Protein backbone atom coordinates (compact mmCIF):
# COMPACT_ATOMS: atom_id res chain seq x y z
CA MET A 1 -18.13 13.24 -2.11
CA THR A 2 -18.50 9.48 -2.96
CA GLY A 3 -20.59 7.66 -5.43
CA ARG A 4 -20.73 4.69 -7.95
CA GLY A 5 -23.46 6.65 -10.05
CA THR A 6 -25.37 4.05 -12.84
CA ALA A 7 -22.63 3.79 -15.13
CA ALA A 8 -21.12 0.37 -16.34
CA VAL A 9 -18.80 -1.41 -13.49
CA ARG A 10 -15.41 0.20 -14.17
CA ARG A 11 -12.11 -1.62 -14.29
CA ASN A 12 -8.54 -0.74 -13.35
CA ARG A 13 -7.78 0.27 -16.91
CA ASP A 14 -10.82 2.55 -17.08
CA ALA A 15 -9.07 5.30 -15.07
CA ASP A 16 -6.35 7.45 -16.16
CA TRP A 17 -3.69 6.69 -13.27
CA ASP A 18 -1.32 8.70 -15.11
CA ALA A 19 -3.53 11.98 -13.95
CA TRP A 20 -3.68 10.74 -10.18
CA PRO A 21 -3.90 14.13 -8.18
CA VAL A 22 -0.53 13.69 -6.29
CA ALA A 23 -0.61 17.24 -5.03
CA ALA A 24 -4.42 17.09 -3.65
CA TYR A 25 -3.82 13.44 -2.44
CA LEU A 26 -1.09 14.25 -0.57
CA ALA A 27 -2.71 17.18 0.79
CA GLU A 28 -5.78 15.64 1.99
CA ASN A 29 -3.89 12.53 3.76
CA TYR A 30 -0.10 12.82 4.27
CA ARG A 31 0.96 16.23 5.06
CA GLN A 32 0.54 15.19 8.99
CA VAL A 33 0.41 11.73 10.84
CA HIS A 34 -3.23 11.02 11.14
CA PRO A 35 -4.33 8.38 13.85
CA CYS A 36 -4.95 5.68 11.06
CA ASP A 37 -1.03 6.21 9.97
CA ARG A 38 0.10 5.96 13.28
CA GLY A 39 -1.99 2.66 13.58
CA VAL A 40 -0.95 1.46 10.11
CA ILE A 41 2.76 1.84 10.88
CA HIS A 42 2.39 0.33 14.33
CA HIS A 43 1.07 -2.80 12.39
CA HIS A 44 3.53 -2.82 10.15
CA SER A 45 6.47 -1.97 12.22
CA VAL A 46 5.43 -5.39 13.84
CA PHE A 47 5.76 -7.03 10.93
CA TYR A 48 8.93 -5.94 9.67
CA ARG A 49 10.81 -6.33 13.01
CA GLN A 50 10.54 -10.23 12.97
CA PHE A 51 12.87 -10.15 10.69
CA GLU A 52 16.63 -9.67 11.17
CA PRO A 53 17.75 -6.30 10.07
CA GLY A 54 18.57 -6.56 6.10
CA ALA A 55 16.98 -10.46 6.25
CA LEU A 56 14.91 -9.75 3.22
CA ALA A 57 16.96 -9.70 -0.17
CA ARG A 58 14.29 -8.16 -2.00
CA THR A 59 10.66 -7.10 -1.36
CA LEU A 60 7.69 -5.37 -3.47
CA GLU A 61 5.63 -2.25 -2.79
CA LEU A 62 2.84 -2.94 -5.05
CA GLY A 63 0.97 0.06 -6.42
CA ALA A 64 3.29 2.58 -4.34
CA GLY A 65 1.67 5.50 -5.25
CA PRO A 66 3.30 8.64 -3.58
CA ASN A 67 2.93 7.36 -0.05
CA LEU A 68 6.48 6.82 1.12
CA TYR A 69 5.79 5.62 4.38
CA PRO A 70 4.91 1.78 3.55
CA LEU A 71 8.44 2.14 1.83
CA MET A 72 10.36 3.73 4.83
CA LEU A 73 9.15 1.01 7.12
CA ALA A 74 10.59 -1.97 4.87
CA ALA A 75 13.81 -0.06 5.06
CA GLY A 76 15.03 -2.14 8.28
CA ALA A 77 14.43 -5.69 7.04
CA SER A 78 14.86 -5.50 3.18
CA ARG A 79 18.15 -4.71 1.21
CA ARG A 80 16.43 -3.53 -1.99
CA ILE A 81 12.80 -2.44 -2.21
CA ASP A 82 10.83 -2.42 -5.46
CA ALA A 83 8.53 0.28 -5.39
CA LEU A 84 6.15 -0.64 -8.51
CA GLU A 85 3.77 1.72 -9.77
CA PRO A 86 1.81 2.58 -13.08
CA GLY A 87 0.93 6.00 -12.77
CA ALA A 88 2.93 8.82 -14.27
CA ALA A 89 2.19 11.27 -11.92
CA SER A 90 3.15 9.16 -9.11
CA LEU A 91 6.11 7.79 -10.61
CA ASP A 92 7.47 11.39 -11.09
CA TYR A 93 6.62 12.28 -7.25
CA LEU A 94 8.62 9.14 -6.47
CA ARG A 95 11.66 9.65 -8.37
CA ARG A 96 12.27 13.43 -6.96
CA GLN A 97 11.67 12.14 -3.54
CA LEU A 98 14.55 9.84 -3.92
CA THR A 99 16.65 12.16 -6.33
CA HIS A 100 16.21 15.73 -4.53
CA GLY A 101 15.50 14.25 -1.04
CA PRO A 102 12.16 13.58 0.76
CA GLU A 103 9.78 16.43 1.51
CA ASP A 104 9.91 17.69 5.28
CA SER A 105 6.36 16.30 5.57
CA TRP A 106 7.55 12.96 5.69
CA GLN A 107 9.91 13.45 8.49
CA SER A 108 7.24 12.83 11.28
CA PHE A 109 6.24 10.02 10.06
CA TYR A 110 9.82 8.65 9.84
CA ALA A 111 10.55 9.70 13.43
CA LEU A 112 7.46 7.34 14.39
CA ALA A 113 8.87 4.58 12.10
CA ARG A 114 12.30 4.78 13.89
CA ALA A 115 10.94 4.90 17.48
CA LEU A 116 9.02 1.85 16.50
CA ASP A 117 11.81 -0.17 14.92
CA PRO A 118 15.50 1.14 15.80
CA ALA A 119 16.51 -1.19 12.72
CA LEU A 120 16.06 1.41 10.44
CA PRO A 121 18.70 3.70 8.96
CA ALA A 122 19.58 6.99 10.76
CA THR A 123 17.70 8.95 8.09
CA LEU A 124 14.93 9.15 5.89
CA ALA A 125 17.49 9.78 2.99
CA GLU A 126 19.00 6.94 3.72
CA ALA A 127 16.44 4.69 4.26
CA LEU A 128 15.06 5.66 0.79
CA THR A 129 18.36 4.46 -1.03
CA ARG A 130 17.16 0.76 -0.67
CA VAL A 131 14.05 2.13 -3.01
CA HIS A 132 13.77 1.04 -6.52
CA VAL A 133 11.07 3.08 -8.54
CA LEU A 134 9.60 0.74 -11.11
CA PRO A 135 6.68 1.80 -13.54
CA GLY A 136 4.33 -0.98 -14.28
CA ASP A 137 1.33 -2.73 -12.86
CA ALA A 138 0.45 -6.01 -11.46
CA ALA A 139 0.14 -7.64 -14.71
CA GLY A 140 3.55 -7.71 -15.29
CA LEU A 141 4.69 -9.04 -12.12
CA PRO A 142 6.70 -12.32 -12.33
CA GLU A 143 5.74 -14.83 -9.65
CA GLY A 144 8.14 -15.78 -6.84
CA ARG A 145 10.50 -12.95 -7.21
CA TYR A 146 10.01 -11.48 -3.57
CA ASP A 147 11.05 -12.43 0.04
CA ALA A 148 7.82 -10.07 1.13
CA ALA A 149 5.33 -7.86 -0.35
CA SER A 150 3.29 -5.10 0.83
CA MET A 151 0.46 -3.37 -0.55
CA ASN A 152 -1.60 -0.44 1.28
CA PHE A 153 -4.83 0.62 -0.12
CA VAL A 154 -4.96 -0.28 -3.78
CA ALA A 155 -6.51 -3.59 -4.84
CA GLU A 156 -9.84 -1.97 -3.26
CA SER A 157 -9.22 1.49 -4.83
CA VAL A 158 -8.71 0.56 -8.48
CA THR A 159 -11.45 -1.23 -9.22
CA GLU A 160 -15.15 -1.51 -8.89
CA ASP A 161 -15.11 -5.46 -10.08
CA ARG A 162 -14.66 -8.04 -7.47
CA ALA A 163 -13.54 -10.14 -10.04
CA GLU A 164 -10.70 -8.10 -10.59
CA PHE A 165 -9.95 -7.19 -7.22
CA THR A 166 -9.42 -10.86 -6.54
CA VAL A 167 -6.78 -11.15 -9.48
CA LEU A 168 -5.31 -8.44 -8.11
CA CYS A 169 -5.13 -9.91 -4.45
CA ASP A 170 -4.05 -13.15 -5.90
CA THR A 171 -1.01 -11.62 -8.04
CA PHE A 172 0.06 -9.90 -4.68
CA VAL A 173 0.09 -13.44 -2.94
CA ARG A 174 2.07 -15.13 -6.07
CA ALA A 175 4.36 -12.08 -6.07
CA VAL A 176 6.46 -13.91 -3.23
CA ARG A 177 8.25 -17.17 -3.25
CA PRO A 178 6.68 -20.03 -1.60
CA GLY A 179 7.11 -19.08 2.53
CA GLY A 180 7.30 -15.33 1.42
CA ARG A 181 5.51 -13.08 3.58
CA LEU A 182 2.48 -10.38 3.17
CA VAL A 183 1.46 -7.11 4.65
CA ALA A 184 -1.17 -5.16 3.61
CA ALA A 185 -3.90 -2.37 4.43
CA PHE A 186 -7.26 -1.83 2.83
CA MET A 187 -9.88 0.78 3.00
CA GLU A 188 -12.99 -0.86 4.51
CA ARG A 189 -16.21 -0.76 2.57
CA MET A 190 -15.05 2.23 0.41
CA PRO A 191 -17.37 3.06 -2.45
CA SER A 192 -15.90 4.78 -5.63
CA TYR A 193 -14.17 8.00 -4.44
CA ARG A 194 -13.30 11.70 -4.95
CA ILE A 195 -9.77 13.27 -4.29
CA GLY A 196 -10.73 16.94 -3.80
CA GLY A 197 -13.16 18.18 -6.38
CA GLY A 198 -11.59 15.67 -9.06
CA PRO A 199 -13.30 12.76 -11.08
CA VAL A 200 -14.73 9.96 -9.12
CA TRP A 201 -12.17 7.15 -9.01
CA PRO A 202 -13.23 3.29 -8.71
CA ALA A 203 -13.19 1.30 -5.65
CA CYS A 204 -14.58 -1.84 -4.70
CA PRO A 205 -16.00 -2.21 -0.99
CA VAL A 206 -14.53 -4.89 1.01
CA ASP A 207 -15.07 -5.83 4.61
CA GLU A 208 -13.21 -8.64 6.32
CA THR A 209 -15.28 -11.57 5.35
CA ALA A 210 -14.42 -10.48 1.62
CA LEU A 211 -10.67 -10.51 2.76
CA ARG A 212 -10.90 -14.09 4.26
CA ALA A 213 -12.71 -15.14 1.23
CA VAL A 214 -9.88 -14.28 -1.12
CA PHE A 215 -6.96 -14.77 1.21
CA THR A 216 -7.79 -18.11 3.37
CA PRO A 217 -7.25 -20.25 -0.01
CA ARG A 218 -4.56 -18.73 -0.74
CA THR A 219 -2.13 -18.18 2.29
CA THR A 220 -1.72 -19.28 5.69
CA ALA A 221 -1.23 -17.52 9.18
CA LEU A 222 -3.67 -15.03 8.11
CA ARG A 223 -4.28 -12.30 10.39
CA ILE A 224 -6.99 -9.69 10.04
CA SER A 225 -7.15 -6.55 12.22
CA ARG A 226 -9.25 -3.52 11.86
CA LEU A 227 -8.45 0.15 12.62
CA ALA A 228 -11.81 2.53 13.69
CA LYS A 229 -12.60 5.03 10.95
CA ASP A 230 -10.66 8.22 11.14
CA ARG A 231 -12.42 11.37 11.27
CA THR A 232 -9.78 13.57 10.92
CA LEU A 233 -9.27 12.56 6.94
CA PRO A 234 -11.97 13.84 4.49
CA GLU A 235 -15.14 11.62 3.75
CA TYR A 236 -14.45 9.00 1.48
CA GLY A 237 -17.41 6.79 2.55
CA ASP A 238 -15.08 4.35 4.51
CA THR A 239 -15.85 2.72 7.88
CA GLY A 240 -12.22 2.14 8.58
CA ILE A 241 -9.27 0.40 7.64
CA LEU A 242 -8.45 -3.36 7.55
CA LEU A 243 -4.89 -4.71 8.08
CA LEU A 244 -3.55 -7.94 7.18
CA THR A 245 -0.46 -10.21 7.45
CA ALA A 246 -0.26 -13.69 5.70
CA GLU A 247 2.33 -16.42 4.52
CA ARG A 248 2.19 -17.97 0.75
CA PRO A 249 2.11 -21.54 1.64
CA ALA A 250 5.79 -23.18 1.18
CA ALA A 251 4.39 -26.38 -0.60
């Protein structure tokens, strides 16, 4: 179900993100809490619990897609969460979740998140009131706007070009103010991939060495950990998940 093929290296602009298969993606990955979800939620909850409730004025979810759990996790610490997303299909899904209420399948994710972080609002619907959906991509991000930024399965999953992956990660770091905090998750060594029976989407296989090469010169307090491959998910060709926290240098 994966494969890079023999075509020229594809970049972010070469994929039709407006046509991202939201329904198939959710069905394959987020209709139940998988072991890897538990791992990411535990990791990110530790990150957000270091802040007092509401201590972060404005935070970013870069490339939000239709995945709600990174947004809900930020709601205890952040007063405003900007969900930046370029794709029309994902934007439509996010807006419907905010306008009409989240789908029931997200409640089990929120129950876990709130068990780990009691500072979260009593309900998922209340947590999502902090979210503002913004159309756009990393290229339009102003530097230093956010107190913290989150990115989950994005930079490595939108391009086959290692240089463009580096630029996306650099933009992610620069989106936070000096001293701002970063949390992220990456698919480990995932090649270009399919969702359901659809087209092949571009990806850049990365490992811990690649992440350290990109983030070490740009951040301080860099920490990277790993989750084992989740065999309950479809076969995307990955070998696990890499979890990252870091800080933009204050100077």
